[in-house]
PDB file of N, CA and C in Angstrom:
ATOM      1  N   MET A   1      -6.210  11.570  16.372  1.00  0.00           N
ATOM      2  CA  MET A   1      -6.542  10.335  17.027  1.00  0.00           C
ATOM      3  C   MET A   1      -7.378   9.479  16.083  1.00  0.00           C
ATOM      4  N   LYS A   2      -7.100   8.200  16.033  1.00  0.00           N
ATOM      5  CA  LYS A   2      -7.843   7.275  15.184  1.00  0.00           C
ATOM      6  C   LYS A   2      -8.409   6.174  16.066  1.00  0.00           C
ATOM      7  N   LEU A   3      -9.675   5.854  15.849  1.00  0.00           N
ATOM      8  CA  LEU A   3     -10.356   4.809  16.612  1.00  0.00           C
ATOM      9  C   LEU A   3     -10.918   3.796  15.633  1.00  0.00           C
ATOM     10  N   SER A   4     -10.580   2.533  15.807  1.00  0.00           N
ATOM     11  CA  SER A   4     -11.095   1.458  14.964  1.00  0.00           C
ATOM     12  C   SER A   4     -11.940   0.523  15.814  1.00  0.00           C
ATOM     13  N   ILE A   5     -13.088   0.142  15.293  1.00  0.00           N
ATOM     14  CA  ILE A   5     -13.983  -0.771  15.991  1.00  0.00           C
ATOM     15  C   ILE A   5     -14.287  -1.938  15.068  1.00  0.00           C
ATOM     16  N   ILE A   6     -14.089  -3.142  15.548  1.00  0.00           N
ATOM     17  CA  ILE A   6     -14.437  -4.348  14.800  1.00  0.00           C
ATOM     18  C   ILE A   6     -15.605  -4.981  15.531  1.00  0.00           C
ATOM     19  N   ALA A   7     -16.723  -5.177  14.808  1.00  0.00           N
ATOM     20  CA  ALA A   7     -17.934  -5.671  15.458  1.00  0.00           C
ATOM     21  C   ALA A   7     -18.618  -6.703  14.570  1.00  0.00           C
ATOM     22  N   PRO A   8     -19.392  -7.602  15.177  1.00  0.00           N
ATOM     23  CA  PRO A   8     -20.182  -8.545  14.384  1.00  0.00           C
ATOM     24  C   PRO A   8     -21.329  -7.800  13.696  1.00  0.00           C
ATOM     25  N   THR A   9     -22.145  -8.515  12.983  1.00  0.00           N
ATOM     26  CA  THR A   9     -23.302  -7.927  12.314  1.00  0.00           C
ATOM     27  C   THR A   9     -24.129  -7.137  13.329  1.00  0.00           C
ATOM     28  N   THR A  10     -24.506  -5.926  12.948  1.00  0.00           N
ATOM     29  CA  THR A  10     -25.271  -5.069  13.843  1.00  0.00           C
ATOM     30  C   THR A  10     -26.537  -4.576  13.150  1.00  0.00           C
ATOM     31  N   GLU A  11     -27.496  -4.139  13.961  1.00  0.00           N
ATOM     32  CA  GLU A  11     -28.730  -3.579  13.406  1.00  0.00           C
ATOM     33  C   GLU A  11     -28.560  -2.120  13.031  1.00  0.00           C
ATOM     34  N   GLU A  12     -27.733  -1.382  13.807  1.00  0.00           N
ATOM     35  CA  GLU A  12     -27.544   0.040  13.540  1.00  0.00           C
ATOM     36  C   GLU A  12     -26.160   0.488  13.976  1.00  0.00           C
ATOM     37  N   ILE A  13     -25.549   1.328  13.143  1.00  0.00           N
ATOM     38  CA  ILE A  13     -24.249   1.913  13.444  1.00  0.00           C
ATOM     39  C   ILE A  13     -24.400   3.426  13.346  1.00  0.00           C
ATOM     40  N   VAL A  14     -23.910   4.144  14.356  1.00  0.00           N
ATOM     41  CA  VAL A  14     -23.923   5.603  14.344  1.00  0.00           C
ATOM     42  C   VAL A  14     -22.492   6.080  14.525  1.00  0.00           C
ATOM     43  N   LEU A  15     -21.979   6.822  13.539  1.00  0.00           N
ATOM     44  CA  LEU A  15     -20.625   7.370  13.585  1.00  0.00           C
ATOM     45  C   LEU A  15     -20.724   8.888  13.512  1.00  0.00           C
ATOM     46  N   LYS A  16     -20.153   9.594  14.508  1.00  0.00           N
ATOM     47  CA  LYS A  16     -20.202  11.058  14.533  1.00  0.00           C
ATOM     48  C   LYS A  16     -18.823  11.617  14.837  1.00  0.00           C
ATOM     49  N   SER A  17     -18.522  12.757  14.212  1.00  0.00           N
ATOM     50  CA  SER A  17     -17.273  13.449  14.474  1.00  0.00           C
ATOM     51  C   SER A  17     -17.507  14.942  14.348  1.00  0.00           C
ATOM     52  N   ALA A  18     -16.877  15.711  15.216  1.00  0.00           N
ATOM     53  CA  ALA A  18     -16.993  17.164  15.127  1.00  0.00           C
ATOM     54  C   ALA A  18     -15.985  17.718  14.121  1.00  0.00           C
ATOM     55  N   THR A  19     -14.715  17.354  14.261  1.00  0.00           N
ATOM     56  CA  THR A  19     -13.684  17.896  13.376  1.00  0.00           C
ATOM     57  C   THR A  19     -12.748  16.803  12.875  1.00  0.00           C
ATOM     58  N   GLY A  20     -13.308  15.734  12.415  1.00  0.00           N
ATOM     59  CA  GLY A  20     -12.488  14.653  11.892  1.00  0.00           C
ATOM     60  C   GLY A  20     -13.267  13.814  10.911  1.00  0.00           C
ATOM     61  N   SER A  21     -12.588  12.880  10.297  1.00  0.00           N
ATOM     62  CA  SER A  21     -13.198  12.004   9.306  1.00  0.00           C
ATOM     63  C   SER A  21     -13.788  10.768   9.963  1.00  0.00           C
ATOM     64  N   VAL A  22     -14.787  10.183   9.311  1.00  0.00           N
ATOM     65  CA  VAL A  22     -15.357   8.909   9.743  1.00  0.00           C
ATOM     66  C   VAL A  22     -15.392   7.970   8.549  1.00  0.00           C
ATOM     67  N   SER A  23     -15.215   6.674   8.827  1.00  0.00           N
ATOM     68  CA  SER A  23     -15.263   5.713   7.735  1.00  0.00           C
ATOM     69  C   SER A  23     -15.821   4.385   8.229  1.00  0.00           C
ATOM     70  N   ALA A  24     -16.422   3.658   7.291  1.00  0.00           N
ATOM     71  CA  ALA A  24     -16.958   2.327   7.563  1.00  0.00           C
ATOM     72  C   ALA A  24     -16.652   1.462   6.349  1.00  0.00           C
ATOM     73  N   LYS A  25     -16.234   0.223   6.620  1.00  0.00           N
ATOM     74  CA  LYS A  25     -15.890  -0.678   5.521  1.00  0.00           C
ATOM     75  C   LYS A  25     -16.478  -2.056   5.802  1.00  0.00           C
ATOM     76  N   SER A  26     -17.223  -2.585   4.820  1.00  0.00           N
ATOM     77  CA  SER A  26     -17.818  -3.922   4.902  1.00  0.00           C
ATOM     78  C   SER A  26     -18.676  -4.085   6.149  1.00  0.00           C
ATOM     79  N   THR A  27     -19.565  -3.122   6.390  1.00  0.00           N
ATOM     80  CA  THR A  27     -20.452  -3.157   7.551  1.00  0.00           C
ATOM     81  C   THR A  27     -21.877  -3.496   7.110  1.00  0.00           C
ATOM     82  N   THR A  28     -22.732  -3.795   8.093  1.00  0.00           N
ATOM     83  CA  THR A  28     -24.124  -4.136   7.806  1.00  0.00           C
ATOM     84  C   THR A  28     -25.049  -3.386   8.756  1.00  0.00           C
ATOM     85  N   GLY A  29     -26.336  -3.378   8.422  1.00  0.00           N
ATOM     86  CA  GLY A  29     -27.329  -2.706   9.252  1.00  0.00           C
ATOM     87  C   GLY A  29     -27.530  -1.270   8.812  1.00  0.00           C
ATOM     88  N   LYS A  30     -28.362  -0.548   9.541  1.00  0.00           N
ATOM     89  CA  LYS A  30     -28.599   0.863   9.246  1.00  0.00           C
ATOM     90  C   LYS A  30     -27.359   1.648   9.662  1.00  0.00           C
ATOM     91  N   LEU A  31     -26.848   2.496   8.754  1.00  0.00           N
ATOM     92  CA  LEU A  31     -25.637   3.274   9.030  1.00  0.00           C
ATOM     93  C   LEU A  31     -25.959   4.754   8.963  1.00  0.00           C
ATOM     94  N   ARG A  32     -25.662   5.466  10.057  1.00  0.00           N
ATOM     95  CA  ARG A  32     -25.775   6.920  10.090  1.00  0.00           C
ATOM     96  C   ARG A  32     -24.389   7.477  10.394  1.00  0.00           C
ATOM     97  N   ALA A  33     -23.865   8.278   9.471  1.00  0.00           N
ATOM     98  CA  ALA A  33     -22.534   8.862   9.631  1.00  0.00           C
ATOM     99  C   ALA A  33     -22.644  10.372   9.467  1.00  0.00           C
ATOM    100  N   SER A  34     -22.007  11.115  10.386  1.00  0.00           N
ATOM    101  CA  SER A  34     -22.053  12.572  10.279  1.00  0.00           C
ATOM    102  C   SER A  34     -20.759  13.178  10.795  1.00  0.00           C
ATOM    103  N   THR A  35     -20.411  14.329  10.214  1.00  0.00           N
ATOM    104  CA  THR A  35     -19.256  15.102  10.653  1.00  0.00           C
ATOM    105  C   THR A  35     -19.516  16.572  10.359  1.00  0.00           C
ATOM    106  N   LYS A  36     -19.044  17.425  11.250  1.00  0.00           N
ATOM    107  CA  LYS A  36     -19.168  18.861  11.010  1.00  0.00           C
ATOM    108  C   LYS A  36     -18.085  19.328  10.050  1.00  0.00           C
ATOM    109  N   SER A  37     -16.880  18.796  10.197  1.00  0.00           N
ATOM    110  CA  SER A  37     -15.769  19.186   9.342  1.00  0.00           C
ATOM    111  C   SER A  37     -14.858  17.985   9.138  1.00  0.00           C
ATOM    112  N   GLY A  38     -15.053  17.280   8.037  1.00  0.00           N
ATOM    113  CA  GLY A  38     -14.254  16.102   7.752  1.00  0.00           C
ATOM    114  C   GLY A  38     -14.881  15.282   6.637  1.00  0.00           C
ATOM    115  N   THR A  39     -14.200  14.228   6.262  1.00  0.00           N
ATOM    116  CA  THR A  39     -14.636  13.351   5.180  1.00  0.00           C
ATOM    117  C   THR A  39     -15.406  12.161   5.737  1.00  0.00           C
ATOM    118  N   ILE A  40     -16.427  11.729   5.005  1.00  0.00           N
ATOM    119  CA  ILE A  40     -17.133  10.482   5.300  1.00  0.00           C
ATOM    120  C   ILE A  40     -16.814   9.515   4.174  1.00  0.00           C
ATOM    121  N   SER A  41     -16.264   8.342   4.529  1.00  0.00           N
ATOM    122  CA  SER A  41     -15.945   7.307   3.549  1.00  0.00           C
ATOM    123  C   SER A  41     -16.672   6.028   3.937  1.00  0.00           C
ATOM    124  N   ILE A  42     -17.474   5.506   3.014  1.00  0.00           N
ATOM    125  CA  ILE A  42     -18.213   4.269   3.251  1.00  0.00           C
ATOM    126  C   ILE A  42     -17.936   3.335   2.087  1.00  0.00           C
ATOM    127  N   ASP A  43     -17.482   2.116   2.411  1.00  0.00           N
ATOM    128  CA  ASP A  43     -17.084   1.161   1.386  1.00  0.00           C
ATOM    129  C   ASP A  43     -17.801  -0.169   1.623  1.00  0.00           C
ATOM    130  N   ARG A  44     -18.593  -0.601   0.650  1.00  0.00           N
ATOM    131  CA  ARG A  44     -19.293  -1.892   0.654  1.00  0.00           C
ATOM    132  C   ARG A  44     -20.166  -2.094   1.895  1.00  0.00           C
ATOM    133  N   HIS A  45     -21.075  -1.171   2.115  1.00  0.00           N
ATOM    134  CA  HIS A  45     -22.000  -1.298   3.240  1.00  0.00           C
ATOM    135  C   HIS A  45     -23.284  -1.981   2.777  1.00  0.00           C
ATOM    136  N   SER A  46     -23.769  -2.931   3.571  1.00  0.00           N
ATOM    137  CA  SER A  46     -25.012  -3.633   3.277  1.00  0.00           C
ATOM    138  C   SER A  46     -26.074  -3.167   4.261  1.00  0.00           C
ATOM    139  N   GLY A  47     -26.897  -2.250   3.818  1.00  0.00           N
ATOM    140  CA  GLY A  47     -27.943  -1.673   4.649  1.00  0.00           C
ATOM    141  C   GLY A  47     -28.169  -0.230   4.234  1.00  0.00           C
ATOM    142  N   PRO A  48     -29.219   0.406   4.755  1.00  0.00           N
ATOM    143  CA  PRO A  48     -29.488   1.801   4.413  1.00  0.00           C
ATOM    144  C   PRO A  48     -28.383   2.725   4.937  1.00  0.00           C
ATOM    145  N   ILE A  49     -28.080   3.775   4.174  1.00  0.00           N
ATOM    146  CA  ILE A  49     -27.033   4.736   4.538  1.00  0.00           C
ATOM    147  C   ILE A  49     -27.626   6.129   4.615  1.00  0.00           C
ATOM    148  N   ASP A  50     -27.305   6.846   5.708  1.00  0.00           N
ATOM    149  CA  ASP A  50     -27.640   8.259   5.870  1.00  0.00           C
ATOM    150  C   ASP A  50     -26.343   8.966   6.248  1.00  0.00           C
ATOM    151  N   ALA A  51     -25.746   9.692   5.295  1.00  0.00           N
ATOM    152  CA  ALA A  51     -24.462  10.368   5.511  1.00  0.00           C
ATOM    153  C   ALA A  51     -24.662  11.876   5.391  1.00  0.00           C
ATOM    154  N   ARG A  52     -24.185  12.604   6.422  1.00  0.00           N
ATOM    155  CA  ARG A  52     -24.355  14.061   6.440  1.00  0.00           C
ATOM    156  C   ARG A  52     -23.061  14.738   6.871  1.00  0.00           C
ATOM    157  N   ALA A  53     -22.588  15.680   6.043  1.00  0.00           N
ATOM    158  CA  ALA A  53     -21.383  16.455   6.368  1.00  0.00           C
ATOM    159  C   ALA A  53     -21.714  17.932   6.232  1.00  0.00           C
ATOM    160  N   ASN A  54     -21.271  18.719   7.178  1.00  0.00           N
ATOM    161  CA  ASN A  54     -21.475  20.155   7.085  1.00  0.00           C
ATOM    162  C   ASN A  54     -20.430  20.762   6.146  1.00  0.00           C
ATOM    163  N   ASP A  55     -19.175  20.455   6.376  1.00  0.00           N
ATOM    164  CA  ASP A  55     -18.080  20.969   5.557  1.00  0.00           C
ATOM    165  C   ASP A  55     -17.120  19.821   5.281  1.00  0.00           C
ATOM    166  N   GLY A  56     -17.450  19.012   4.277  1.00  0.00           N
ATOM    167  CA  GLY A  56     -16.587  17.876   3.980  1.00  0.00           C
ATOM    168  C   GLY A  56     -17.104  17.055   2.825  1.00  0.00           C
ATOM    169  N   ARG A  57     -16.254  16.160   2.377  1.00  0.00           N
ATOM    170  CA  ARG A  57     -16.547  15.288   1.245  1.00  0.00           C
ATOM    171  C   ARG A  57     -17.221  14.014   1.739  1.00  0.00           C
ATOM    172  N   ILE A  58     -18.100  13.451   0.896  1.00  0.00           N
ATOM    173  CA  ILE A  58     -18.724  12.160   1.175  1.00  0.00           C
ATOM    174  C   ILE A  58     -18.424  11.234   0.012  1.00  0.00           C
ATOM    175  N   ASP A  59     -17.804  10.075   0.306  1.00  0.00           N
ATOM    176  CA  ASP A  59     -17.513   9.047  -0.699  1.00  0.00           C
ATOM    177  C   ASP A  59     -18.186   7.754  -0.273  1.00  0.00           C
ATOM    178  N   ILE A  60     -19.068   7.242  -1.124  1.00  0.00           N
ATOM    179  CA  ILE A  60     -19.762   5.987  -0.850  1.00  0.00           C
ATOM    180  C   ILE A  60     -19.533   5.066  -2.044  1.00  0.00           C
ATOM    181  N   VAL A  61     -18.969   3.889  -1.776  1.00  0.00           N
ATOM    182  CA  VAL A  61     -18.654   2.919  -2.828  1.00  0.00           C
ATOM    183  C   VAL A  61     -19.324   1.594  -2.487  1.00  0.00           C
ATOM    184  N   GLY A  62     -19.981   0.997  -3.451  1.00  0.00           N
ATOM    185  CA  GLY A  62     -20.590  -0.320  -3.264  1.00  0.00           C
ATOM    186  C   GLY A  62     -21.832  -0.303  -2.401  1.00  0.00           C
ATOM    187  N   ALA A  63     -22.623   0.762  -2.476  1.00  0.00           N
ATOM    188  CA  ALA A  63     -23.869   0.849  -1.711  1.00  0.00           C
ATOM    189  C   ALA A  63     -24.838  -0.217  -2.205  1.00  0.00           C
ATOM    190  N   MET A  64     -25.451  -0.948  -1.267  1.00  0.00           N
ATOM    191  CA  MET A  64     -26.331  -2.051  -1.632  1.00  0.00           C
ATOM    192  C   MET A  64     -27.803  -1.783  -1.343  1.00  0.00           C
ATOM    193  N   GLU A  65     -28.095  -0.715  -0.574  1.00  0.00           N
ATOM    194  CA  GLU A  65     -29.486  -0.371  -0.271  1.00  0.00           C
ATOM    195  C   GLU A  65     -29.674   1.128  -0.421  1.00  0.00           C
ATOM    196  N   THR A  66     -30.716   1.682   0.195  1.00  0.00           N
ATOM    197  CA  THR A  66     -31.021   3.103   0.041  1.00  0.00           C
ATOM    198  C   THR A  66     -29.869   3.968   0.540  1.00  0.00           C
ATOM    199  N   VAL A  67     -29.685   5.103  -0.133  1.00  0.00           N
ATOM    200  CA  VAL A  67     -28.627   6.047   0.232  1.00  0.00           C
ATOM    201  C   VAL A  67     -29.208   7.444   0.295  1.00  0.00           C
ATOM    202  N   GLN A  68     -28.892   8.151   1.381  1.00  0.00           N
ATOM    203  CA  GLN A  68     -29.163   9.576   1.477  1.00  0.00           C
ATOM    204  C   GLN A  68     -27.859  10.227   1.893  1.00  0.00           C
ATOM    205  N   ALA A  69     -27.335  11.118   1.052  1.00  0.00           N
ATOM    206  CA  ALA A  69     -26.067  11.795   1.320  1.00  0.00           C
ATOM    207  C   ALA A  69     -26.263  13.293   1.132  1.00  0.00           C
ATOM    208  N   THR A  70     -25.918  14.062   2.161  1.00  0.00           N
ATOM    209  CA  THR A  70     -26.123  15.508   2.139  1.00  0.00           C
ATOM    210  C   THR A  70     -24.892  16.205   2.689  1.00  0.00           C
ATOM    211  N   THR A  71     -24.436  17.262   1.995  1.00  0.00           N
ATOM    212  CA  THR A  71     -23.364  18.104   2.502  1.00  0.00           C
ATOM    213  C   THR A  71     -23.682  19.554   2.178  1.00  0.00           C
ATOM    214  N   VAL A  72     -23.262  20.451   3.068  1.00  0.00           N
ATOM    215  CA  VAL A  72     -23.456  21.875   2.819  1.00  0.00           C
ATOM    216  C   VAL A  72     -22.359  22.371   1.881  1.00  0.00           C
ATOM    217  N   THR A  73     -21.102  22.090   2.225  1.00  0.00           N
ATOM    218  CA  THR A  73     -19.966  22.481   1.394  1.00  0.00           C
ATOM    219  C   THR A  73     -19.068  21.264   1.207  1.00  0.00           C
ATOM    220  N   GLY A  74     -19.103  20.680   0.041  1.00  0.00           N
ATOM    221  CA  GLY A  74     -18.254  19.521  -0.227  1.00  0.00           C
ATOM    222  C   GLY A  74     -18.779  18.704  -1.388  1.00  0.00           C
ATOM    223  N   THR A  75     -17.943  17.822  -1.867  1.00  0.00           N
ATOM    224  CA  THR A  75     -18.267  16.944  -2.988  1.00  0.00           C
ATOM    225  C   THR A  75     -18.886  15.650  -2.478  1.00  0.00           C
ATOM    226  N   ILE A  76     -19.838  15.120  -3.237  1.00  0.00           N
ATOM    227  CA  ILE A  76     -20.423  13.818  -2.928  1.00  0.00           C
ATOM    228  C   ILE A  76     -20.192  12.905  -4.119  1.00  0.00           C
ATOM    229  N   ARG A  77     -19.684  11.697  -3.840  1.00  0.00           N
ATOM    230  CA  ARG A  77     -19.495  10.688  -4.885  1.00  0.00           C
ATOM    231  C   ARG A  77     -20.129   9.397  -4.394  1.00  0.00           C
ATOM    232  N   VAL A  78     -21.059   8.866  -5.180  1.00  0.00           N
ATOM    233  CA  VAL A  78     -21.730   7.615  -4.829  1.00  0.00           C
ATOM    234  C   VAL A  78     -21.588   6.639  -5.983  1.00  0.00           C
ATOM    235  N   ALA A  79     -21.088   5.437  -5.680  1.00  0.00           N
ATOM    236  CA  ALA A  79     -20.998   4.352  -6.655  1.00  0.00           C
ATOM    237  C   ALA A  79     -21.796   3.186  -6.082  1.00  0.00           C
ATOM    238  N   ILE A  80     -22.934   2.906  -6.683  1.00  0.00           N
ATOM    239  CA  ILE A  80     -23.791   1.843  -6.166  1.00  0.00           C
ATOM    240  C   ILE A  80     -23.302   0.475  -6.624  1.00  0.00           C
ATOM    241  N   ALA A  81     -23.675  -0.545  -5.873  1.00  0.00           N
ATOM    242  CA  ALA A  81     -23.286  -1.918  -6.206  1.00  0.00           C
ATOM    243  C   ALA A  81     -24.048  -2.392  -7.442  1.00  0.00           C
ATOM    244  N   ASP A  82     -23.512  -3.404  -8.110  1.00  0.00           N
ATOM    245  CA  ASP A  82     -24.203  -4.007  -9.244  1.00  0.00           C
ATOM    246  C   ASP A  82     -25.572  -4.508  -8.790  1.00  0.00           C
ATOM    247  N   ASP A  83     -26.549  -4.468  -9.670  1.00  0.00           N
ATOM    248  CA  ASP A  83     -27.919  -4.917  -9.401  1.00  0.00           C
ATOM    249  C   ASP A  83     -28.608  -4.114  -8.305  1.00  0.00           C
ATOM    250  N   HIS A  84     -28.148  -2.908  -8.051  1.00  0.00           N
ATOM    251  CA  HIS A  84     -28.770  -2.031  -7.047  1.00  0.00           C
ATOM    252  C   HIS A  84     -30.058  -1.473  -7.617  1.00  0.00           C
ATOM    253  N   ASP A  85     -31.162  -1.629  -6.897  1.00  0.00           N
ATOM    254  CA  ASP A  85     -32.428  -1.074  -7.381  1.00  0.00           C
ATOM    255  C   ASP A  85     -33.138  -0.276  -6.295  1.00  0.00           C
ATOM    256  N   GLN A  86     -32.397   0.179  -5.297  1.00  0.00           N
ATOM    257  CA  GLN A  86     -32.958   0.965  -4.205  1.00  0.00           C
ATOM    258  C   GLN A  86     -32.822   2.453  -4.516  1.00  0.00           C
ATOM    259  N   PRO A  87     -33.713   3.286  -3.968  1.00  0.00           N
ATOM    260  CA  PRO A  87     -33.632   4.730  -4.224  1.00  0.00           C
ATOM    261  C   PRO A  87     -32.430   5.364  -3.523  1.00  0.00           C
ATOM    262  N   PHE A  88     -31.947   6.481  -4.095  1.00  0.00           N
ATOM    263  CA  PHE A  88     -30.906   7.232  -3.416  1.00  0.00           C
ATOM    264  C   PHE A  88     -31.116   8.715  -3.653  1.00  0.00           C
ATOM    265  N   THR A  89     -30.731   9.529  -2.653  1.00  0.00           N
ATOM    266  CA  THR A  89     -30.848  10.972  -2.713  1.00  0.00           C
ATOM    267  C   THR A  89     -29.481  11.570  -2.411  1.00  0.00           C
ATOM    268  N   ILE A  90     -29.017  12.457  -3.278  1.00  0.00           N
ATOM    269  CA  ILE A  90     -27.716  13.101  -3.110  1.00  0.00           C
ATOM    270  C   ILE A  90     -27.935  14.608  -3.213  1.00  0.00           C
ATOM    271  N   GLU A  91     -27.447  15.351  -2.199  1.00  0.00           N
ATOM    272  CA  GLU A  91     -27.654  16.795  -2.206  1.00  0.00           C
ATOM    273  C   GLU A  91     -26.419  17.512  -1.660  1.00  0.00           C
ATOM    274  N   SER A  92     -25.928  18.489  -2.426  1.00  0.00           N
ATOM    275  CA  SER A  92     -24.838  19.340  -1.984  1.00  0.00           C
ATOM    276  C   SER A  92     -25.221  20.780  -2.278  1.00  0.00           C
ATOM    277  N   ARG A  93     -25.172  21.639  -1.284  1.00  0.00           N
ATOM    278  CA  ARG A  93     -25.527  23.054  -1.499  1.00  0.00           C
ATOM    279  C   ARG A  93     -24.419  23.800  -2.228  1.00  0.00           C
ATOM    280  N   ASN A  94     -23.164  23.408  -1.987  1.00  0.00           N
ATOM    281  CA  ASN A  94     -22.044  24.094  -2.606  1.00  0.00           C
ATOM    282  C   ASN A  94     -20.923  23.092  -2.881  1.00  0.00           C
ATOM    283  N   GLY A  95     -21.080  22.264  -3.911  1.00  0.00           N
ATOM    284  CA  GLY A  95     -20.067  21.281  -4.247  1.00  0.00           C
ATOM    285  C   GLY A  95     -20.565  20.361  -5.346  1.00  0.00           C
ATOM    286  N   ALA A  96     -19.661  19.609  -5.923  1.00  0.00           N
ATOM    287  CA  ALA A  96     -19.983  18.702  -7.024  1.00  0.00           C
ATOM    288  C   ALA A  96     -20.683  17.452  -6.518  1.00  0.00           C
ATOM    289  N   VAL A  97     -21.533  16.887  -7.376  1.00  0.00           N
ATOM    290  CA  VAL A  97     -22.241  15.638  -7.076  1.00  0.00           C
ATOM    291  C   VAL A  97     -21.956  14.674  -8.213  1.00  0.00           C
ATOM    292  N   ARG A  98     -21.482  13.454  -7.845  1.00  0.00           N
ATOM    293  CA  ARG A  98     -21.199  12.432  -8.859  1.00  0.00           C
ATOM    294  C   ARG A  98     -21.859  11.136  -8.441  1.00  0.00           C
ATOM    295  N   GLY A  99     -22.654  10.584  -9.344  1.00  0.00           N
ATOM    296  CA  GLY A  99     -23.345   9.330  -9.025  1.00  0.00           C
ATOM    297  C   GLY A  99     -22.915   8.225  -9.948  1.00  0.00           C
TER     298      GLY A  99
END
């Protein structure tokens, strides 16, 4: 099942999935994305990002503010936007990390 939501500028977005992928594209505000088993994909988000996967990959492209990405088993890839000067934390217990 796939669910798409189109919304105006928001202060906070929370995306959760138990056994599926979550994604956000060109969104704003504080973003919290989590999945127990699946991929998290975030593309060109303007606002702080907190992404957590238990067993899955995290891909973040064009991050413009602070990033915290954590996975227990999976790869994390973060590509920050040009002129990005905000802190970011990337942690994987069992998987590759690419910044």
